[in-house]
């Protein structure tokens, strides 16, 4: 093949290559847009559970302890607040890892 023939083929193959890359980029952007909504919904659910579960466990443990020691609501409130704080720390770490 002569160098002149290679020069004529090169621009066409470059155009095909560039158009293929552009098509793939557009398709990836569309997929990212579609999954970003559901990814956000999933993240909100995960953050919610990571706060709610330690809070519920702390409250139940505190209530059980209060019933054993007959101390009113002291331990329930204390462990509920500990659960909320722990849940917030867990949620903060999860969000920081994802970002």
PDB file of N, CA and C in Angstrom:
ATOM      1  N   UNK A   1       0.827  -1.167   0.000  1.00  0.00           N
ATOM      2  CA  UNK A   1       0.000   0.000   0.000  1.00  0.00           C
ATOM      3  C   UNK A   1       0.880   1.242   0.000  1.00  0.00           C
ATOM      4  N   UNK A   2       0.536   2.178  -0.826  1.00  0.00           N
ATOM      5  CA  UNK A   2       1.342   3.389  -0.932  1.00  0.00           C
ATOM      6  C   UNK A   2       1.016   4.336   0.232  1.00  0.00           C
ATOM      7  N   UNK A   3       1.943   5.233   0.539  1.00  0.00           N
ATOM      8  CA  UNK A   3       1.694   6.198   1.628  1.00  0.00           C
ATOM      9  C   UNK A   3       0.491   7.080   1.339  1.00  0.00           C
ATOM     10  N   UNK A   4       0.231   7.362   0.065  1.00  0.00           N
ATOM     11  CA  UNK A   4      -0.924   8.203  -0.274  1.00  0.00           C
ATOM     12  C   UNK A   4      -2.229   7.473   0.063  1.00  0.00           C
ATOM     13  N   UNK A   5      -2.259   6.176  -0.153  1.00  0.00           N
ATOM     14  CA  UNK A   5      -3.455   5.397   0.149  1.00  0.00           C
ATOM     15  C   UNK A   5      -3.663   5.317   1.666  1.00  0.00           C
ATOM     16  N   UNK A   6      -2.577   5.217   2.405  1.00  0.00           N
ATOM     17  CA  UNK A   6      -2.690   5.172   3.864  1.00  0.00           C
ATOM     18  C   UNK A   6      -3.235   6.493   4.404  1.00  0.00           C
ATOM     19  N   UNK A   7      -2.824   7.615   3.821  1.00  0.00           N
ATOM     20  CA  UNK A   7      -3.315   8.921   4.259  1.00  0.00           C
ATOM     21  C   UNK A   7      -4.812   9.057   4.013  1.00  0.00           C
ATOM     22  N   UNK A   8      -5.301   8.487   2.903  1.00  0.00           N
ATOM     23  CA  UNK A   8      -6.725   8.570   2.609  1.00  0.00           C
ATOM     24  C   UNK A   8      -7.532   7.689   3.558  1.00  0.00           C
ATOM     25  N   UNK A   9      -6.991   6.540   3.931  1.00  0.00           N
ATOM     26  CA  UNK A   9      -7.702   5.636   4.827  1.00  0.00           C
ATOM     27  C   UNK A   9      -7.680   6.135   6.271  1.00  0.00           C
ATOM     28  N   UNK A  10      -6.617   6.763   6.674  1.00  0.00           N
ATOM     29  CA  UNK A  10      -6.455   7.180   8.063  1.00  0.00           C
ATOM     30  C   UNK A  10      -7.554   8.131   8.528  1.00  0.00           C
ATOM     31  N   UNK A  11      -7.899   9.177   7.797  1.00  0.00           N
ATOM     32  CA  UNK A  11      -8.958  10.069   8.281  1.00  0.00           C
ATOM     33  C   UNK A  11     -10.299   9.349   8.425  1.00  0.00           C
ATOM     34  N   UNK A  12     -10.617   8.432   7.517  1.00  0.00           N
ATOM     35  CA  UNK A  12     -11.876   7.708   7.620  1.00  0.00           C
ATOM     36  C   UNK A  12     -11.890   6.806   8.850  1.00  0.00           C
ATOM     37  N   UNK A  13     -10.795   6.100   9.070  1.00  0.00           N
ATOM     38  CA  UNK A  13     -10.749   5.221  10.243  1.00  0.00           C
ATOM     39  C   UNK A  13     -10.743   6.032  11.538  1.00  0.00           C
ATOM     40  N   UNK A  14     -10.128   7.205  11.506  1.00  0.00           N
ATOM     41  CA  UNK A  14     -10.160   8.079  12.686  1.00  0.00           C
ATOM     42  C   UNK A  14     -11.576   8.563  12.954  1.00  0.00           C
ATOM     43  N   UNK A  15     -12.296   8.922  11.909  1.00  0.00           N
ATOM     44  CA  UNK A  15     -13.678   9.381  12.078  1.00  0.00           C
ATOM     45  C   UNK A  15     -14.553   8.281  12.665  1.00  0.00           C
ATOM     46  N   UNK A  16     -14.351   7.070  12.188  1.00  0.00           N
ATOM     47  CA  UNK A  16     -15.120   5.932  12.706  1.00  0.00           C
ATOM     48  C   UNK A  16     -14.772   5.705  14.174  1.00  0.00           C
ATOM     49  N   UNK A  17     -13.488   5.763  14.479  1.00  0.00           N
ATOM     50  CA  UNK A  17     -13.035   5.559  15.854  1.00  0.00           C
ATOM     51  C   UNK A  17     -13.594   6.641  16.774  1.00  0.00           C
ATOM     52  N   UNK A  18     -13.503   7.897  16.363  1.00  0.00           N
ATOM     53  CA  UNK A  18     -13.990   9.014  17.178  1.00  0.00           C
ATOM     54  C   UNK A  18     -15.494   8.922  17.352  1.00  0.00           C
ATOM     55  N   UNK A  19     -16.226   8.584  16.313  1.00  0.00           N
ATOM     56  CA  UNK A  19     -17.676   8.480  16.431  1.00  0.00           C
ATOM     57  C   UNK A  19     -18.072   7.325  17.364  1.00  0.00           C
ATOM     58  N   UNK A  20     -17.319   6.243  17.336  1.00  0.00           N
ATOM     59  CA  UNK A  20     -17.592   5.119  18.236  1.00  0.00           C
ATOM     60  C   UNK A  20     -17.339   5.519  19.691  1.00  0.00           C
ATOM     61  N   UNK A  21     -16.261   6.213  19.926  1.00  0.00           N
ATOM     62  CA  UNK A  21     -15.953   6.689  21.287  1.00  0.00           C
ATOM     63  C   UNK A  21     -17.036   7.648  21.765  1.00  0.00           C
ATOM     64  N   UNK A  22     -17.459   8.551  20.904  1.00  0.00           N
ATOM     65  CA  UNK A  22     -18.511   9.512  21.252  1.00  0.00           C
ATOM     66  C   UNK A  22     -19.832   8.788  21.567  1.00  0.00           C
ATOM     67  N   UNK A  23     -20.160   7.795  20.774  1.00  0.00           N
ATOM     68  CA  UNK A  23     -21.392   7.031  20.996  1.00  0.00           C
ATOM     69  C   UNK A  23     -21.345   6.315  22.351  1.00  0.00           C
ATOM     70  N   UNK A  24     -20.209   5.728  22.671  1.00  0.00           N
ATOM     71  CA  UNK A  24     -20.061   5.041  23.949  1.00  0.00           C
ATOM     72  C   UNK A  24     -20.131   6.013  25.121  1.00  0.00           C
ATOM     73  N   UNK A  25     -19.536   7.197  24.951  1.00  0.00           N
ATOM     74  CA  UNK A  25     -19.570   8.204  26.008  1.00  0.00           C
ATOM     75  C   UNK A  25     -20.999   8.656  26.278  1.00  0.00           C
ATOM     76  N   UNK A  26     -21.772   8.904  25.199  1.00  0.00           N
ATOM     77  CA  UNK A  26     -23.176   9.317  25.362  1.00  0.00           C
ATOM     78  C   UNK A  26     -23.991   8.241  26.061  1.00  0.00           C
ATOM     79  N   UNK A  27     -23.765   6.993  25.674  1.00  0.00           N
ATOM     80  CA  UNK A  27     -24.502   5.888  26.282  1.00  0.00           C
ATOM     81  C   UNK A  27     -24.145   5.755  27.766  1.00  0.00           C
ATOM     82  N   UNK A  28     -22.885   5.940  28.114  1.00  0.00           N
ATOM     83  CA  UNK A  28     -22.471   5.873  29.517  1.00  0.00           C
ATOM     84  C   UNK A  28     -23.095   7.014  30.319  1.00  0.00           C
ATOM     85  N   UNK A  29     -23.136   8.227  29.758  1.00  0.00           N
ATOM     86  CA  UNK A  29     -23.761   9.353  30.455  1.00  0.00           C
ATOM     87  C   UNK A  29     -25.242   9.102  30.705  1.00  0.00           C
ATOM     88  N   UNK A  30     -25.929   8.514  29.722  1.00  0.00           N
ATOM     89  CA  UNK A  30     -27.344   8.202  29.902  1.00  0.00           C
ATOM     90  C   UNK A  30     -27.534   7.168  31.000  1.00  0.00           C
ATOM     91  N   UNK A  31     -26.689   6.162  31.024  1.00  0.00           N
ATOM     92  CA  UNK A  31     -26.778   5.143  32.073  1.00  0.00           C
ATOM     93  C   UNK A  31     -26.473   5.732  33.444  1.00  0.00           C
ATOM     94  N   UNK A  32     -25.491   6.632  33.510  1.00  0.00           N
ATOM     95  CA  UNK A  32     -25.154   7.268  34.782  1.00  0.00           C
ATOM     96  C   UNK A  32     -26.312   8.111  35.286  1.00  0.00           C
ATOM     97  N   UNK A  33     -26.977   8.830  34.380  1.00  0.00           N
ATOM     98  CA  UNK A  33     -28.125   9.641  34.774  1.00  0.00           C
ATOM     99  C   UNK A  33     -29.243   8.768  35.319  1.00  0.00           C
ATOM    100  N   UNK A  34     -29.498   7.628  34.676  1.00  0.00           N
ATOM    101  CA  UNK A  34     -30.568   6.737  35.110  1.00  0.00           C
ATOM    102  C   UNK A  34     -30.262   6.114  36.466  1.00  0.00           C
ATOM    103  N   UNK A  35     -29.035   5.679  36.659  1.00  0.00           N
ATOM    104  CA  UNK A  35     -28.708   5.000  37.906  1.00  0.00           C
ATOM    105  C   UNK A  35     -28.445   5.978  39.040  1.00  0.00           C
ATOM    106  N   UNK A  36     -28.143   7.218  38.750  1.00  0.00           N
ATOM    107  CA  UNK A  36     -27.845   8.148  39.835  1.00  0.00           C
ATOM    108  C   UNK A  36     -29.083   8.396  40.692  1.00  0.00           C
ATOM    109  N   UNK A  37     -30.270   8.436  40.099  1.00  0.00           N
ATOM    110  CA  UNK A  37     -31.492   8.614  40.886  1.00  0.00           C
ATOM    111  C   UNK A  37     -31.682   7.437  41.832  1.00  0.00           C
ATOM    112  N   UNK A  38     -31.592   6.233  41.296  1.00  0.00           N
ATOM    113  CA  UNK A  38     -31.809   5.049  42.122  1.00  0.00           C
ATOM    114  C   UNK A  38     -30.675   4.853  43.119  1.00  0.00           C
ATOM    115  N   UNK A  39     -29.489   5.257  42.741  1.00  0.00           N
ATOM    116  CA  UNK A  39     -28.365   5.185  43.673  1.00  0.00           C
ATOM    117  C   UNK A  39     -28.605   6.134  44.847  1.00  0.00           C
ATOM    118  N   UNK A  40     -29.152   7.312  44.557  1.00  0.00           N
ATOM    119  CA  UNK A  40     -29.467   8.271  45.616  1.00  0.00           C
ATOM    120  C   UNK A  40     -30.565   7.739  46.532  1.00  0.00           C
ATOM    121  N   UNK A  41     -31.582   7.128  45.944  1.00  0.00           N
ATOM    122  CA  UNK A  41     -32.659   6.552  46.752  1.00  0.00           C
ATOM    123  C   UNK A  41     -32.113   5.450  47.646  1.00  0.00           C
ATOM    124  N   UNK A  42     -31.259   4.617  47.101  1.00  0.00           N
ATOM    125  CA  UNK A  42     -30.642   3.552  47.894  1.00  0.00           C
ATOM    126  C   UNK A  42     -29.777   4.097  49.015  1.00  0.00           C
ATOM    127  N   UNK A  43     -29.048   5.160  48.721  1.00  0.00           N
ATOM    128  CA  UNK A  43     -28.190   5.765  49.741  1.00  0.00           C
ATOM    129  C   UNK A  43     -29.036   6.353  50.873  1.00  0.00           C
ATOM    130  N   UNK A  44     -30.158   6.996  50.525  1.00  0.00           N
ATOM    131  CA  UNK A  44     -31.024   7.543  51.566  1.00  0.00           C
ATOM    132  C   UNK A  44     -31.576   6.436  52.454  1.00  0.00           C
ATOM    133  N   UNK A  45     -31.964   5.326  51.847  1.00  0.00           N
ATOM    134  CA  UNK A  45     -32.463   4.204  52.629  1.00  0.00           C
ATOM    135  C   UNK A  45     -31.401   3.628  53.535  1.00  0.00           C
ATOM    136  N   UNK A  46     -30.204   3.510  53.020  1.00  0.00           N
ATOM    137  CA  UNK A  46     -29.101   2.971  53.817  1.00  0.00           C
ATOM    138  C   UNK A  46     -28.762   3.892  54.978  1.00  0.00           C
ATOM    139  N   UNK A  47     -28.745   5.196  54.721  1.00  0.00           N
ATOM    140  CA  UNK A  47     -28.457   6.158  55.788  1.00  0.00           C
ATOM    141  C   UNK A  47     -29.571   6.109  56.831  1.00  0.00           C
ATOM    142  N   UNK A  48     -30.809   6.014  56.383  1.00  0.00           N
ATOM    143  CA  UNK A  48     -31.928   5.931  57.320  1.00  0.00           C
ATOM    144  C   UNK A  48     -31.833   4.722  58.226  1.00  0.00           C
ATOM    145  N   UNK A  49     -31.545   3.580  57.630  1.00  0.00           N
ATOM    146  CA  UNK A  49     -31.427   2.361  58.437  1.00  0.00           C
ATOM    147  C   UNK A  49     -30.217   2.414  59.357  1.00  0.00           C
ATOM    148  N   UNK A  50     -29.141   3.040  58.907  1.00  0.00           N
ATOM    149  CA  UNK A  50     -27.938   3.084  59.743  1.00  0.00           C
ATOM    150  C   UNK A  50     -28.138   3.984  60.960  1.00  0.00           C
ATOM    151  N   UNK A  51     -29.104   4.896  60.914  1.00  0.00           N
ATOM    152  CA  UNK A  51     -29.426   5.710  62.087  1.00  0.00           C
ATOM    153  C   UNK A  51     -30.537   5.041  62.900  1.00  0.00           C
ATOM    154  N   UNK A  52     -31.547   4.502  62.220  1.00  0.00           N
ATOM    155  CA  UNK A  52     -32.714   3.950  62.915  1.00  0.00           C
ATOM    156  C   UNK A  52     -32.382   2.680  63.697  1.00  0.00           C
ATOM    157  N   UNK A  53     -31.575   1.814  63.130  1.00  0.00           N
ATOM    158  CA  UNK A  53     -31.299   0.541  63.789  1.00  0.00           C
ATOM    159  C   UNK A  53     -30.538   0.694  65.114  1.00  0.00           C
ATOM    160  N   UNK A  54     -29.423   1.438  65.164  1.00  0.00           N
ATOM    161  CA  UNK A  54     -28.760   1.618  66.462  1.00  0.00           C
ATOM    162  C   UNK A  54     -29.641   2.349  67.481  1.00  0.00           C
ATOM    163  N   UNK A  55     -30.477   3.274  66.994  1.00  0.00           N
ATOM    164  CA  UNK A  55     -31.380   3.986  67.895  1.00  0.00           C
ATOM    165  C   UNK A  55     -32.388   3.024  68.504  1.00  0.00           C
ATOM    166  N   UNK A  56     -32.974   2.166  67.680  1.00  0.00           N
ATOM    167  CA  UNK A  56     -33.958   1.205  68.172  1.00  0.00           C
ATOM    168  C   UNK A  56     -33.311   0.202  69.126  1.00  0.00           C
ATOM    169  N   UNK A  57     -32.139  -0.288  68.782  1.00  0.00           N
ATOM    170  CA  UNK A  57     -31.453  -1.248  69.652  1.00  0.00           C
ATOM    171  C   UNK A  57     -31.093  -0.602  70.986  1.00  0.00           C
ATOM    172  N   UNK A  58     -30.590   0.634  70.946  1.00  0.00           N
ATOM    173  CA  UNK A  58     -30.256   1.345  72.187  1.00  0.00           C
ATOM    174  C   UNK A  58     -31.485   1.590  73.044  1.00  0.00           C
ATOM    175  N   UNK A  59     -32.595   1.959  72.410  1.00  0.00           N
ATOM    176  CA  UNK A  59     -33.827   2.201  73.160  1.00  0.00           C
ATOM    177  C   UNK A  59     -34.335   0.915  73.806  1.00  0.00           C
ATOM    178  N   UNK A  60     -34.344  -0.158  73.048  1.00  0.00           N
ATOM    179  CA  UNK A  60     -34.817  -1.431  73.602  1.00  0.00           C
ATOM    180  C   UNK A  60     -33.912  -1.930  74.730  1.00  0.00           C
ATOM    181  N   UNK A  61     -32.620  -1.801  74.547  1.00  0.00           N
ATOM    182  CA  UNK A  61     -31.694  -2.213  75.597  1.00  0.00           C
ATOM    183  C   UNK A  61     -31.886  -1.361  76.846  1.00  0.00           C
ATOM    184  N   UNK A  62     -32.019  -0.061  76.676  1.00  0.00           N
ATOM    185  CA  UNK A  62     -32.238   0.832  77.814  1.00  0.00           C
ATOM    186  C   UNK A  62     -33.550   0.541  78.524  1.00  0.00           C
ATOM    187  N   UNK A  63     -34.572   0.238  77.760  1.00  0.00           N
ATOM    188  CA  UNK A  63     -35.868  -0.092  78.375  1.00  0.00           C
ATOM    189  C   UNK A  63     -35.773  -1.399  79.167  1.00  0.00           C
ATOM    190  N   UNK A  64     -35.068  -2.385  78.589  1.00  0.00           N
ATOM    191  CA  UNK A  64     -34.884  -3.645  79.302  1.00  0.00           C
ATOM    192  C   UNK A  64     -34.111  -3.421  80.605  1.00  0.00           C
ATOM    193  N   UNK A  65     -33.061  -2.613  80.524  1.00  0.00           N
ATOM    194  CA  UNK A  65     -32.251  -2.318  81.700  1.00  0.00           C
ATOM    195  C   UNK A  65     -33.061  -1.561  82.744  1.00  0.00           C
ATOM    196  N   UNK A  66     -33.880  -0.626  82.317  1.00  0.00           N
ATOM    197  CA  UNK A  66     -34.744   0.116  83.241  1.00  0.00           C
ATOM    198  C   UNK A  66     -35.732  -0.810  83.939  1.00  0.00           C
ATOM    199  N   UNK A  67     -36.264  -1.777  83.211  1.00  0.00           N
ATOM    200  CA  UNK A  67     -37.211  -2.706  83.843  1.00  0.00           C
ATOM    201  C   UNK A  67     -36.508  -3.606  84.856  1.00  0.00           C
ATOM    202  N   UNK A  68     -35.277  -3.960  84.591  1.00  0.00           N
ATOM    203  CA  UNK A  68     -34.514  -4.797  85.522  1.00  0.00           C
ATOM    204  C   UNK A  68     -34.127  -4.029  86.787  1.00  0.00           C
ATOM    205  N   UNK A  69     -33.706  -2.789  86.585  1.00  0.00           N
ATOM    206  CA  UNK A  69     -33.211  -1.996  87.721  1.00  0.00           C
ATOM    207  C   UNK A  69     -34.283  -1.089  88.318  1.00  0.00           C
ATOM    208  N   UNK A  70     -35.472  -1.059  87.702  1.00  0.00           N
ATOM    209  CA  UNK A  70     -36.586  -0.209  88.142  1.00  0.00           C
ATOM    210  C   UNK A  70     -36.127   1.240  88.321  1.00  0.00           C
ATOM    211  N   UNK A  71     -35.562   1.786  87.263  1.00  0.00           N
ATOM    212  CA  UNK A  71     -34.993   3.133  87.348  1.00  0.00           C
ATOM    213  C   UNK A  71     -35.742   4.158  86.512  1.00  0.00           C
ATOM    214  N   UNK A  72     -36.971   3.892  86.140  1.00  0.00           N
ATOM    215  CA  UNK A  72     -37.740   4.846  85.351  1.00  0.00           C
ATOM    216  C   UNK A  72     -37.323   4.776  83.889  1.00  0.00           C
ATOM    217  N   UNK A  73     -36.978   5.940  83.340  1.00  0.00           N
ATOM    218  CA  UNK A  73     -36.603   6.012  81.917  1.00  0.00           C
ATOM    219  C   UNK A  73     -35.166   6.472  81.698  1.00  0.00           C
ATOM    220  N   UNK A  74     -34.371   6.416  82.732  1.00  0.00           N
ATOM    221  CA  UNK A  74     -33.016   6.962  82.669  1.00  0.00           C
ATOM    222  C   UNK A  74     -32.163   6.250  81.621  1.00  0.00           C
ATOM    223  N   UNK A  75     -32.082   4.944  81.707  1.00  0.00           N
ATOM    224  CA  UNK A  75     -31.236   4.183  80.791  1.00  0.00           C
ATOM    225  C   UNK A  75     -31.806   4.161  79.372  1.00  0.00           C
ATOM    226  N   UNK A  76     -33.137   4.149  79.271  1.00  0.00           N
ATOM    227  CA  UNK A  76     -33.738   4.156  77.936  1.00  0.00           C
ATOM    228  C   UNK A  76     -33.345   5.431  77.177  1.00  0.00           C
ATOM    229  N   UNK A  77     -33.466   6.566  77.831  1.00  0.00           N
ATOM    230  CA  UNK A  77     -33.117   7.830  77.181  1.00  0.00           C
ATOM    231  C   UNK A  77     -31.618   7.889  76.891  1.00  0.00           C
ATOM    232  N   UNK A  78     -30.813   7.451  77.845  1.00  0.00           N
ATOM    233  CA  UNK A  78     -29.369   7.482  77.645  1.00  0.00           C
ATOM    234  C   UNK A  78     -28.949   6.624  76.452  1.00  0.00           C
ATOM    235  N   UNK A  79     -29.408   5.373  76.417  1.00  0.00           N
ATOM    236  CA  UNK A  79     -29.000   4.484  75.331  1.00  0.00           C
ATOM    237  C   UNK A  79     -29.652   4.852  74.001  1.00  0.00           C
ATOM    238  N   UNK A  80     -30.811   5.507  74.054  1.00  0.00           N
ATOM    239  CA  UNK A  80     -31.409   6.005  72.817  1.00  0.00           C
ATOM    240  C   UNK A  80     -30.519   7.103  72.212  1.00  0.00           C
ATOM    241  N   UNK A  81     -30.042   8.006  73.053  1.00  0.00           N
ATOM    242  CA  UNK A  81     -29.149   9.065  72.568  1.00  0.00           C
ATOM    243  C   UNK A  81     -27.813   8.496  72.088  1.00  0.00           C
ATOM    244  N   UNK A  82     -27.312   7.480  72.781  1.00  0.00           N
ATOM    245  CA  UNK A  82     -26.085   6.812  72.335  1.00  0.00           C
ATOM    246  C   UNK A  82     -26.310   6.163  70.970  1.00  0.00           C
ATOM    247  N   UNK A  83     -27.488   5.541  70.787  1.00  0.00           N
ATOM    248  CA  UNK A  83     -27.817   4.921  69.500  1.00  0.00           C
ATOM    249  C   UNK A  83     -27.912   5.944  68.380  1.00  0.00           C
ATOM    250  N   UNK A  84     -28.522   7.101  68.664  1.00  0.00           N
ATOM    251  CA  UNK A  84     -28.612   8.155  67.642  1.00  0.00           C
ATOM    252  C   UNK A  84     -27.209   8.646  67.271  1.00  0.00           C
ATOM    253  N   UNK A  85     -26.384   8.880  68.272  1.00  0.00           N
ATOM    254  CA  UNK A  85     -25.016   9.349  67.994  1.00  0.00           C
ATOM    255  C   UNK A  85     -24.225   8.328  67.201  1.00  0.00           C
ATOM    256  N   UNK A  86     -24.324   7.070  67.599  1.00  0.00           N
ATOM    257  CA  UNK A  86     -23.616   6.013  66.876  1.00  0.00           C
ATOM    258  C   UNK A  86     -24.131   5.890  65.446  1.00  0.00           C
ATOM    259  N   UNK A  87     -25.444   5.969  65.264  1.00  0.00           N
ATOM    260  CA  UNK A  87     -26.026   5.908  63.926  1.00  0.00           C
ATOM    261  C   UNK A  87     -25.568   7.053  63.047  1.00  0.00           C
ATOM    262  N   UNK A  88     -25.471   8.247  63.626  1.00  0.00           N
ATOM    263  CA  UNK A  88     -25.001   9.404  62.845  1.00  0.00           C
ATOM    264  C   UNK A  88     -23.543   9.243  62.433  1.00  0.00           C
ATOM    265  N   UNK A  89     -22.723   8.693  63.321  1.00  0.00           N
ATOM    266  CA  UNK A  89     -21.312   8.447  62.980  1.00  0.00           C
ATOM    267  C   UNK A  89     -21.216   7.424  61.857  1.00  0.00           C
ATOM    268  N   UNK A  90     -22.003   6.363  61.958  1.00  0.00           N
ATOM    269  CA  UNK A  90     -21.994   5.334  60.910  1.00  0.00           C
ATOM    270  C   UNK A  90     -22.436   5.934  59.578  1.00  0.00           C
ATOM    271  N   UNK A  91     -23.511   6.717  59.599  1.00  0.00           N
ATOM    272  CA  UNK A  91     -24.014   7.338  58.372  1.00  0.00           C
ATOM    273  C   UNK A  91     -22.978   8.296  57.787  1.00  0.00           C
ATOM    274  N   UNK A  92     -22.333   9.079  58.632  1.00  0.00           N
ATOM    275  CA  UNK A  92     -21.312  10.027  58.170  1.00  0.00           C
ATOM    276  C   UNK A  92     -20.172   9.298  57.463  1.00  0.00           C
ATOM    277  N   UNK A  93     -19.735   8.198  58.041  1.00  0.00           N
ATOM    278  CA  UNK A  93     -18.630   7.431  57.433  1.00  0.00           C
ATOM    279  C   UNK A  93     -19.054   6.815  56.098  1.00  0.00           C
ATOM    280  N   UNK A  94     -20.282   6.319  56.045  1.00  0.00           N
ATOM    281  CA  UNK A  94     -20.754   5.717  54.799  1.00  0.00           C
ATOM    282  C   UNK A  94     -20.822   6.753  53.682  1.00  0.00           C
ATOM    283  N   UNK A  95     -21.345   7.927  54.002  1.00  0.00           N
ATOM    284  CA  UNK A  95     -21.454   8.981  52.994  1.00  0.00           C
ATOM    285  C   UNK A  95     -20.079   9.456  52.567  1.00  0.00           C
ATOM    286  N   UNK A  96     -19.143   9.593  53.525  1.00  0.00           N
ATOM    287  CA  UNK A  96     -17.794  10.051  53.155  1.00  0.00           C
ATOM    288  C   UNK A  96     -17.083   9.052  52.263  1.00  0.00           C
ATOM    289  N   UNK A  97     -17.326   7.762  52.454  1.00  0.00           N
ATOM    290  CA  UNK A  97     -16.691   6.761  51.596  1.00  0.00           C
ATOM    291  C   UNK A  97     -17.252   6.817  50.183  1.00  0.00           C
ATOM    292  N   UNK A  98     -18.535   7.088  50.052  1.00  0.00           N
ATOM    293  CA  UNK A  98     -19.174   7.096  48.741  1.00  0.00           C
ATOM    294  C   UNK A  98     -18.844   8.343  47.936  1.00  0.00           C
ATOM    295  N   UNK A  99     -18.519   9.430  48.604  1.00  0.00           N
ATOM    296  CA  UNK A  99     -18.260  10.693  47.912  1.00  0.00           C
ATOM    297  C   UNK A  99     -16.843  10.823  47.529  1.00  0.00           C
TER     298      UNK A  99
END
